[in-house]
N, C-alpha and C. Protein backbone atom coordinates (compact mmCIF):
# COMPACT_ATOMS: atom_id res chain seq x y z
N MET A 1 -7.96 20.29 31.04
CA MET A 1 -6.84 21.33 30.77
C MET A 1 -7.65 22.79 30.73
N PRO A 2 -7.43 23.83 31.45
CA PRO A 2 -7.84 24.99 31.15
C PRO A 2 -7.79 25.49 29.80
N THR A 3 -8.81 26.28 29.21
CA THR A 3 -8.47 26.71 27.98
C THR A 3 -8.95 28.22 27.89
N THR A 4 -8.29 28.82 26.90
CA THR A 4 -8.48 30.39 26.67
C THR A 4 -8.94 30.37 25.09
N GLY A 5 -10.11 30.73 24.89
CA GLY A 5 -10.60 30.63 23.55
C GLY A 5 -10.58 29.33 23.12
N THR A 6 -9.82 29.23 21.96
CA THR A 6 -9.78 27.90 21.25
C THR A 6 -8.29 27.11 21.52
N HIS A 7 -7.46 27.83 22.15
CA HIS A 7 -6.08 27.30 22.29
C HIS A 7 -6.08 26.78 23.84
N PRO A 8 -5.43 25.59 23.88
CA PRO A 8 -5.36 24.99 25.39
C PRO A 8 -4.13 25.86 26.06
N ARG A 9 -4.39 26.16 27.37
CA ARG A 9 -3.41 27.18 28.08
C ARG A 9 -2.25 26.07 28.64
N PRO A 10 -1.04 26.17 28.43
CA PRO A 10 -0.03 25.36 28.80
C PRO A 10 0.15 25.25 30.42
N ARG A 11 0.38 24.00 30.72
CA ARG A 11 0.66 23.81 32.03
C ARG A 11 2.13 24.16 32.40
N GLU A 12 2.35 25.27 33.43
CA GLU A 12 3.72 25.76 33.44
C GLU A 12 4.05 25.34 34.89
N PHE A 13 5.32 25.31 35.13
CA PHE A 13 5.84 24.95 36.50
C PHE A 13 7.24 25.98 36.64
N ALA A 14 7.22 26.62 37.82
CA ALA A 14 8.39 27.53 38.04
C ALA A 14 8.80 27.00 39.53
N ALA A 15 9.99 27.15 39.77
CA ALA A 15 10.62 26.99 41.20
C ALA A 15 11.85 27.69 41.26
N ARG A 16 12.20 28.12 42.53
CA ARG A 16 13.47 28.75 42.58
C ARG A 16 14.41 27.91 43.68
N LEU A 17 15.75 27.74 43.15
CA LEU A 17 16.64 26.91 43.95
C LEU A 17 17.90 27.79 44.21
N ARG A 18 18.61 27.37 45.41
CA ARG A 18 19.93 28.07 45.70
C ARG A 18 20.82 27.85 44.56
N SER A 19 21.85 28.82 44.24
CA SER A 19 22.76 28.69 43.36
C SER A 19 23.70 27.98 43.79
N ARG A 20 23.63 26.39 43.91
CA ARG A 20 24.72 25.74 44.45
C ARG A 20 24.82 24.43 43.50
N PRO A 21 25.85 23.73 43.52
CA PRO A 21 25.92 22.67 42.84
C PRO A 21 25.04 21.57 43.00
N ASP A 22 24.47 21.32 44.30
CA ASP A 22 23.51 20.42 44.59
C ASP A 22 22.11 20.67 44.06
N SER A 23 21.95 21.68 43.55
CA SER A 23 20.60 22.21 42.97
C SER A 23 20.42 21.35 41.51
N THR A 24 21.60 21.00 40.99
CA THR A 24 21.39 20.48 39.77
C THR A 24 20.61 19.10 39.82
N PRO A 25 20.86 18.20 40.54
CA PRO A 25 20.06 17.09 40.77
C PRO A 25 18.53 17.09 41.13
N LEU A 26 18.51 18.26 42.12
CA LEU A 26 17.02 18.68 42.42
C LEU A 26 16.36 19.20 41.28
N ALA A 27 16.97 19.93 40.48
CA ALA A 27 16.27 20.35 39.17
C ALA A 27 15.77 19.45 38.46
N ARG A 28 16.65 18.34 38.09
CA ARG A 28 16.20 17.23 37.21
C ARG A 28 14.98 16.46 37.93
N LEU A 29 15.18 16.24 39.20
CA LEU A 29 14.02 15.60 39.86
C LEU A 29 12.70 16.24 39.75
N LEU A 30 12.83 17.69 39.77
CA LEU A 30 11.48 18.36 39.61
C LEU A 30 10.98 18.35 38.25
N LEU A 31 11.97 18.32 37.26
CA LEU A 31 11.60 18.09 35.81
C LEU A 31 10.97 16.79 35.58
N ARG A 32 11.45 15.82 36.07
CA ARG A 32 10.88 14.41 36.18
C ARG A 32 9.56 14.31 36.69
N ALA A 33 9.33 15.05 37.80
CA ALA A 33 8.01 15.00 38.33
C ALA A 33 6.96 15.89 37.64
N TYR A 34 7.43 16.85 36.86
CA TYR A 34 6.56 17.76 36.05
C TYR A 34 6.22 16.75 34.80
N LEU A 35 7.15 16.23 34.14
CA LEU A 35 6.90 15.48 32.82
C LEU A 35 5.94 14.13 33.40
N ALA A 36 6.20 13.56 34.43
CA ALA A 36 5.44 12.47 34.87
C ALA A 36 3.93 12.90 34.83
N GLY A 37 3.49 13.95 35.10
CA GLY A 37 2.35 14.41 35.12
C GLY A 37 1.74 15.01 33.82
N MET A 38 2.45 14.89 32.92
CA MET A 38 2.03 15.38 31.48
C MET A 38 1.81 14.15 30.37
N PRO A 39 0.74 14.49 29.61
CA PRO A 39 0.62 13.27 28.77
C PRO A 39 1.71 13.17 27.81
N GLN A 40 2.24 11.90 27.73
CA GLN A 40 3.42 11.50 26.96
C GLN A 40 4.62 12.37 27.36
N GLY A 41 4.68 12.70 28.58
CA GLY A 41 5.84 13.42 29.02
C GLY A 41 7.25 12.70 28.90
N GLU A 42 7.15 11.25 29.06
CA GLU A 42 8.34 10.59 28.83
C GLU A 42 8.98 10.63 27.69
N ARG A 43 8.41 11.45 26.55
CA ARG A 43 8.90 11.47 25.32
C ARG A 43 10.07 12.59 25.26
N TYR A 44 10.01 13.47 26.42
CA TYR A 44 11.01 14.52 26.34
C TYR A 44 11.96 14.16 27.59
N ALA A 45 11.70 13.25 28.29
CA ALA A 45 12.49 13.16 29.63
C ALA A 45 13.98 13.01 29.48
N ASP A 46 14.46 12.18 28.66
CA ASP A 46 16.07 11.91 28.87
C ASP A 46 16.79 13.09 28.28
N ILE A 47 16.32 13.59 27.11
CA ILE A 47 17.08 14.99 26.49
C ILE A 47 16.80 16.16 27.61
N ALA A 48 15.60 16.18 27.88
CA ALA A 48 15.32 17.41 28.90
C ALA A 48 15.99 17.41 30.06
N GLU A 49 16.10 16.20 30.77
CA GLU A 49 17.07 16.05 31.95
C GLU A 49 18.36 16.41 31.65
N LEU A 50 19.04 15.96 30.72
CA LEU A 50 20.43 16.18 30.33
C LEU A 50 20.68 17.66 30.15
N LEU A 51 19.74 18.40 29.25
CA LEU A 51 19.95 19.63 29.07
C LEU A 51 19.74 20.73 30.14
N LEU A 52 18.64 20.16 30.90
CA LEU A 52 18.27 21.16 32.20
C LEU A 52 19.62 21.01 33.18
N GLY A 53 20.23 19.79 33.23
CA GLY A 53 21.39 19.65 34.10
C GLY A 53 22.41 20.70 33.50
N GLU A 54 22.79 20.52 32.32
CA GLU A 54 23.94 21.32 31.91
C GLU A 54 23.49 22.93 31.97
N LEU A 55 22.29 23.44 31.82
CA LEU A 55 21.89 24.86 31.99
C LEU A 55 21.96 25.31 33.50
N VAL A 56 21.60 24.27 34.33
CA VAL A 56 21.53 24.74 35.80
C VAL A 56 23.05 24.79 36.32
N ALA A 57 23.80 23.98 35.78
CA ALA A 57 25.27 23.74 36.26
C ALA A 57 25.98 24.97 35.66
N ASN A 58 25.78 25.42 34.57
CA ASN A 58 26.38 26.56 33.87
C ASN A 58 25.84 27.73 34.68
N ALA A 59 24.75 27.96 35.20
CA ALA A 59 24.18 29.02 35.84
C ALA A 59 24.73 29.23 37.26
N VAL A 60 25.07 28.17 37.90
CA VAL A 60 25.59 28.05 39.12
C VAL A 60 27.22 28.30 39.10
N GLN A 61 27.63 27.63 38.18
CA GLN A 61 29.26 27.69 38.00
C GLN A 61 29.79 28.92 37.50
N HIS A 62 29.07 29.40 36.43
CA HIS A 62 29.52 30.70 35.70
C HIS A 62 29.02 32.03 35.99
N SER A 63 28.04 31.91 36.86
CA SER A 63 27.39 33.36 37.10
C SER A 63 28.20 34.26 38.06
N ASP A 64 28.24 35.41 37.80
CA ASP A 64 28.96 36.40 38.40
C ASP A 64 28.05 37.07 39.50
N ALA A 65 26.80 36.59 39.84
CA ALA A 65 25.84 37.15 40.81
C ALA A 65 26.19 36.85 42.21
N PRO A 66 25.94 37.78 43.00
CA PRO A 66 26.23 37.52 44.40
C PRO A 66 25.73 35.93 44.89
N PRO A 67 26.27 35.46 45.88
CA PRO A 67 26.12 34.05 46.26
C PRO A 67 24.72 33.74 46.86
N ASP A 68 24.02 35.04 47.35
CA ASP A 68 22.68 34.54 47.87
C ASP A 68 21.63 34.80 46.88
N ARG A 69 22.09 34.89 45.56
CA ARG A 69 20.92 34.91 44.57
C ARG A 69 20.53 33.54 44.17
N LEU A 70 19.09 33.27 43.80
CA LEU A 70 18.74 31.90 43.41
C LEU A 70 18.61 31.83 42.07
N VAL A 71 18.45 30.55 41.61
CA VAL A 71 18.30 30.23 40.12
C VAL A 71 16.83 29.85 40.09
N GLU A 72 16.16 30.31 39.00
CA GLU A 72 14.88 30.15 38.73
C GLU A 72 14.67 28.97 37.63
N LEU A 73 13.83 28.11 37.61
CA LEU A 73 13.50 27.05 36.68
C LEU A 73 12.08 27.35 36.23
N ARG A 74 11.84 27.13 34.94
CA ARG A 74 10.55 27.20 34.42
C ARG A 74 10.53 26.06 33.46
N PHE A 75 9.34 25.38 33.42
CA PHE A 75 9.04 24.47 32.32
C PHE A 75 7.47 24.68 31.81
N ALA A 76 7.41 24.50 30.60
CA ALA A 76 6.07 24.49 30.10
C ALA A 76 5.99 23.56 28.71
N LEU A 77 4.99 22.71 28.62
CA LEU A 77 4.70 22.12 27.27
C LEU A 77 3.84 23.04 26.27
N ILE A 78 4.45 23.55 25.17
CA ILE A 78 3.76 24.43 24.34
C ILE A 78 3.88 24.02 22.93
N ALA A 79 2.46 23.97 22.53
CA ALA A 79 2.68 23.48 20.87
C ALA A 79 3.26 22.12 20.68
N GLY A 80 3.46 21.11 21.42
CA GLY A 80 4.16 19.87 21.36
C GLY A 80 5.73 19.99 21.64
N ARG A 81 6.05 21.14 22.20
CA ARG A 81 7.42 21.28 22.42
C ARG A 81 7.63 21.52 24.13
N LEU A 82 8.60 20.96 24.69
CA LEU A 82 9.00 21.38 26.00
C LEU A 82 9.92 22.58 25.94
N ARG A 83 9.39 23.46 26.67
CA ARG A 83 10.30 24.78 26.91
C ARG A 83 10.84 24.66 28.27
N ILE A 84 12.24 24.73 28.29
CA ILE A 84 12.98 24.88 29.73
C ILE A 84 13.71 26.01 29.81
N GLU A 85 13.54 26.81 30.91
CA GLU A 85 14.28 28.10 31.11
C GLU A 85 15.05 27.94 32.38
N VAL A 86 16.11 28.45 32.44
CA VAL A 86 16.93 28.73 33.57
C VAL A 86 17.43 29.96 33.76
N HIS A 87 16.95 30.73 34.80
CA HIS A 87 17.12 32.28 35.13
C HIS A 87 18.20 32.26 36.24
N ASP A 88 19.01 33.34 36.02
CA ASP A 88 20.07 33.64 37.01
C ASP A 88 20.43 35.20 36.90
N ALA A 89 20.98 35.71 37.99
CA ALA A 89 21.26 37.11 38.23
C ALA A 89 22.44 37.61 37.63
N GLY A 90 23.23 36.76 37.01
CA GLY A 90 24.62 36.95 36.39
C GLY A 90 24.44 37.83 35.13
N SER A 91 25.50 38.52 34.77
CA SER A 91 25.62 39.31 33.54
C SER A 91 26.25 38.55 32.34
N GLY A 92 26.81 37.61 32.68
CA GLY A 92 27.49 36.81 31.57
C GLY A 92 26.46 36.23 30.54
N ARG A 93 26.81 36.04 29.15
CA ARG A 93 26.15 35.40 28.37
C ARG A 93 26.67 34.09 27.90
N PRO A 94 26.18 32.99 27.67
CA PRO A 94 26.67 31.76 27.48
C PRO A 94 26.94 31.67 26.15
N THR A 95 28.39 31.00 25.68
CA THR A 95 28.57 30.94 24.34
C THR A 95 29.20 29.50 24.10
N PRO A 96 28.84 28.87 23.21
CA PRO A 96 29.56 27.36 23.08
C PRO A 96 30.88 27.50 22.57
N ARG A 97 31.75 26.75 23.03
CA ARG A 97 33.08 26.74 22.74
C ARG A 97 33.65 25.33 22.24
N VAL A 98 34.60 25.46 21.56
CA VAL A 98 35.24 24.14 21.09
C VAL A 98 36.12 23.55 22.20
N SER A 99 35.91 22.39 22.49
CA SER A 99 36.86 21.66 23.41
C SER A 99 37.67 20.77 22.79
N SER A 100 38.93 20.63 23.40
CA SER A 100 39.70 19.58 23.18
C SER A 100 39.67 18.34 23.67
N SER A 101 40.06 17.27 23.21
CA SER A 101 39.97 15.97 23.74
C SER A 101 40.51 15.92 25.23
N GLU A 102 41.39 16.67 25.65
CA GLU A 102 41.83 16.74 27.01
C GLU A 102 41.22 17.50 27.91
N ASP A 103 40.04 18.22 27.41
CA ASP A 103 39.45 19.11 28.45
C ASP A 103 38.50 18.30 29.09
N GLU A 104 38.23 18.58 30.46
CA GLU A 104 37.43 17.88 31.31
C GLU A 104 36.10 18.58 31.33
N ARG A 105 35.97 19.73 30.98
CA ARG A 105 34.74 20.49 31.00
C ARG A 105 34.65 21.06 29.65
N GLY A 106 33.35 21.84 29.65
CA GLY A 106 33.20 22.88 28.60
C GLY A 106 32.23 22.23 27.27
N ARG A 107 31.65 21.26 27.55
CA ARG A 107 30.84 20.65 26.42
C ARG A 107 29.36 20.75 26.55
N GLY A 108 29.00 21.46 27.68
CA GLY A 108 27.61 21.53 28.04
C GLY A 108 26.76 22.25 27.18
N LEU A 109 27.32 23.53 26.57
CA LEU A 109 26.50 24.29 25.59
C LEU A 109 26.44 23.50 24.16
N PHE A 110 27.52 22.77 23.87
CA PHE A 110 27.57 22.07 22.70
C PHE A 110 26.48 20.97 22.62
N LEU A 111 26.29 20.26 23.96
CA LEU A 111 25.36 19.31 23.97
C LEU A 111 23.65 19.97 23.82
N VAL A 112 23.53 21.30 24.40
CA VAL A 112 22.40 22.08 24.33
C VAL A 112 22.27 22.29 22.83
N ASP A 113 23.22 22.78 22.09
CA ASP A 113 23.09 23.28 20.75
C ASP A 113 22.84 21.98 19.86
N GLU A 114 23.44 20.88 20.18
CA GLU A 114 23.10 19.74 19.33
C GLU A 114 21.66 19.16 19.60
N LEU A 115 21.29 18.91 20.89
CA LEU A 115 20.09 18.44 21.19
C LEU A 115 18.63 19.12 21.11
N ALA A 116 18.85 20.21 21.51
CA ALA A 116 17.84 21.15 21.54
C ALA A 116 17.28 21.55 20.11
N GLU A 117 15.92 21.73 19.97
CA GLU A 117 15.48 22.22 18.69
C GLU A 117 15.86 23.44 18.43
N ARG A 118 15.96 24.34 19.38
CA ARG A 118 16.49 25.79 19.25
C ARG A 118 16.77 25.95 20.74
N TRP A 119 17.75 27.04 20.99
CA TRP A 119 17.98 27.56 22.37
C TRP A 119 18.39 29.02 22.25
N GLY A 120 18.38 29.74 23.39
CA GLY A 120 18.85 31.09 23.27
C GLY A 120 19.08 31.63 24.70
N CYS A 121 19.44 32.83 24.66
CA CYS A 121 19.56 33.60 25.94
C CYS A 121 18.88 34.99 25.81
N CYS A 122 18.37 35.30 26.98
CA CYS A 122 17.49 36.64 26.72
C CYS A 122 17.75 37.28 28.30
N PRO A 123 17.84 38.69 28.06
CA PRO A 123 17.78 39.23 29.53
C PRO A 123 16.62 39.30 30.21
N ARG A 124 16.74 39.34 31.58
CA ARG A 124 15.23 39.14 32.36
C ARG A 124 14.72 40.40 32.51
N ALA A 125 13.34 40.29 32.67
CA ALA A 125 12.59 41.41 32.92
C ALA A 125 13.05 42.36 34.12
N GLY A 126 13.16 43.59 34.11
CA GLY A 126 13.89 44.28 35.03
C GLY A 126 15.24 44.63 35.05
N GLY A 127 15.87 43.91 34.03
CA GLY A 127 17.21 44.08 33.62
C GLY A 127 18.24 43.55 34.50
N VAL A 128 17.90 42.67 35.56
CA VAL A 128 18.91 42.01 36.35
C VAL A 128 18.94 40.60 35.86
N GLY A 129 20.15 40.26 35.42
CA GLY A 129 20.49 38.78 34.70
C GLY A 129 19.93 38.48 33.58
N LYS A 130 19.76 37.06 33.36
CA LYS A 130 19.42 36.73 32.09
C LYS A 130 18.60 35.22 32.30
N PHE A 131 18.13 34.95 31.33
CA PHE A 131 17.75 33.39 31.24
C PHE A 131 18.05 32.69 29.84
N VAL A 132 18.40 31.27 30.25
CA VAL A 132 18.70 30.73 28.89
C VAL A 132 17.54 29.63 28.77
N TRP A 133 17.12 29.57 27.55
CA TRP A 133 16.06 28.57 27.24
C TRP A 133 16.31 27.67 26.16
N ALA A 134 15.52 26.50 26.28
CA ALA A 134 15.76 25.60 25.25
C ALA A 134 14.36 24.97 24.82
N LEU A 135 14.07 24.73 23.55
CA LEU A 135 12.93 24.05 23.16
C LEU A 135 13.22 22.54 22.93
N ILE A 136 12.65 21.69 23.26
CA ILE A 136 12.95 20.19 23.16
C ILE A 136 11.88 19.49 22.58
N ALA A 137 12.04 18.85 21.38
CA ALA A 137 11.03 18.11 20.58
C ALA A 137 10.83 16.70 21.31
N PRO A 138 9.59 16.08 21.14
CA PRO A 138 9.65 14.73 21.77
C PRO A 138 10.27 13.82 20.93
N VAL A 139 10.80 12.86 21.48
CA VAL A 139 11.46 11.83 20.89
C VAL A 139 10.31 10.97 19.88
N PRO A 140 10.51 10.96 18.68
CA PRO A 140 9.41 10.43 17.75
C PRO A 140 9.39 8.83 18.02
N GLY A 141 7.89 8.52 17.98
CA GLY A 141 7.64 7.09 17.98
C GLY A 141 7.83 6.42 19.53
N LEU A 142 8.15 7.21 20.51
CA LEU A 142 8.44 6.72 21.79
C LEU A 142 7.09 6.63 22.56
N ALA A 143 6.29 5.67 22.20
CA ALA A 143 4.96 5.47 23.14
C ALA A 143 5.25 4.85 24.36
N GLU A 144 4.43 4.90 25.36
CA GLU A 144 4.61 4.47 26.75
C GLU A 144 5.01 3.13 26.86
N PRO A 145 4.27 2.08 26.22
CA PRO A 145 4.63 0.79 26.32
C PRO A 145 6.03 0.49 25.92
N ALA A 146 6.39 0.93 24.63
CA ALA A 146 8.01 0.84 24.34
C ALA A 146 8.76 1.47 25.20
N PHE A 147 8.51 2.63 25.83
CA PHE A 147 9.32 3.27 26.88
C PHE A 147 9.39 2.45 27.90
N ASP A 148 8.40 1.78 28.52
CA ASP A 148 8.63 0.97 29.75
C ASP A 148 9.51 -0.22 29.39
N ALA A 149 9.27 -0.81 28.13
CA ALA A 149 10.07 -1.85 27.80
C ALA A 149 11.52 -1.74 27.82
N ALA A 150 11.82 -0.41 27.26
CA ALA A 150 13.11 -0.07 27.02
C ALA A 150 13.80 0.13 28.53
N ARG A 151 13.10 0.81 29.21
CA ARG A 151 13.41 0.92 30.62
C ARG A 151 13.82 -0.32 31.53
N ALA A 152 12.80 -1.32 31.15
CA ALA A 152 13.04 -2.67 31.81
C ALA A 152 14.32 -3.37 31.25
N ALA A 153 14.47 -3.10 29.95
CA ALA A 153 15.64 -3.96 29.37
C ALA A 153 17.03 -3.38 29.89
N VAL A 154 16.92 -2.01 30.16
CA VAL A 154 18.24 -1.39 30.69
C VAL A 154 18.46 -1.67 32.21
N ALA A 155 17.24 -1.90 32.76
CA ALA A 155 17.36 -2.09 34.23
C ALA A 155 18.01 -3.68 34.46
N VAL A 156 17.81 -4.50 33.51
CA VAL A 156 18.45 -5.87 33.63
C VAL A 156 19.83 -6.12 33.65
């Protein structure tokens, strides 16, 4: 891994996708591929995929940006935490809301709030749009052999 001074430089990933509902599964696939190349990336995978899916879906469904704008994804492992970001050109800011038991939708940010170590929303450089970020802690004690055994048990 390249280093700067005494600190390892994080391996980062960025991609731009169309602002369409079918970009959500593609975003999760890109995240899986990124984590597969990282040491102990599997320790972040399940929670990260769930939260990324929610953030991309929100960016696509709730953005007031023109339809030709793209959604940008960024991933980086920094200091033992996975940082995911979803950028869009919309002006709205996400806010968690309370959903009733009859609501079919509206629980995405609740999940982000509950499962992320921290999350937030910031304006993008240049003043167009925003990005929503989440920090995800690794699942403790999930070593690769145990992870493989758990996946095999679920597959049966």
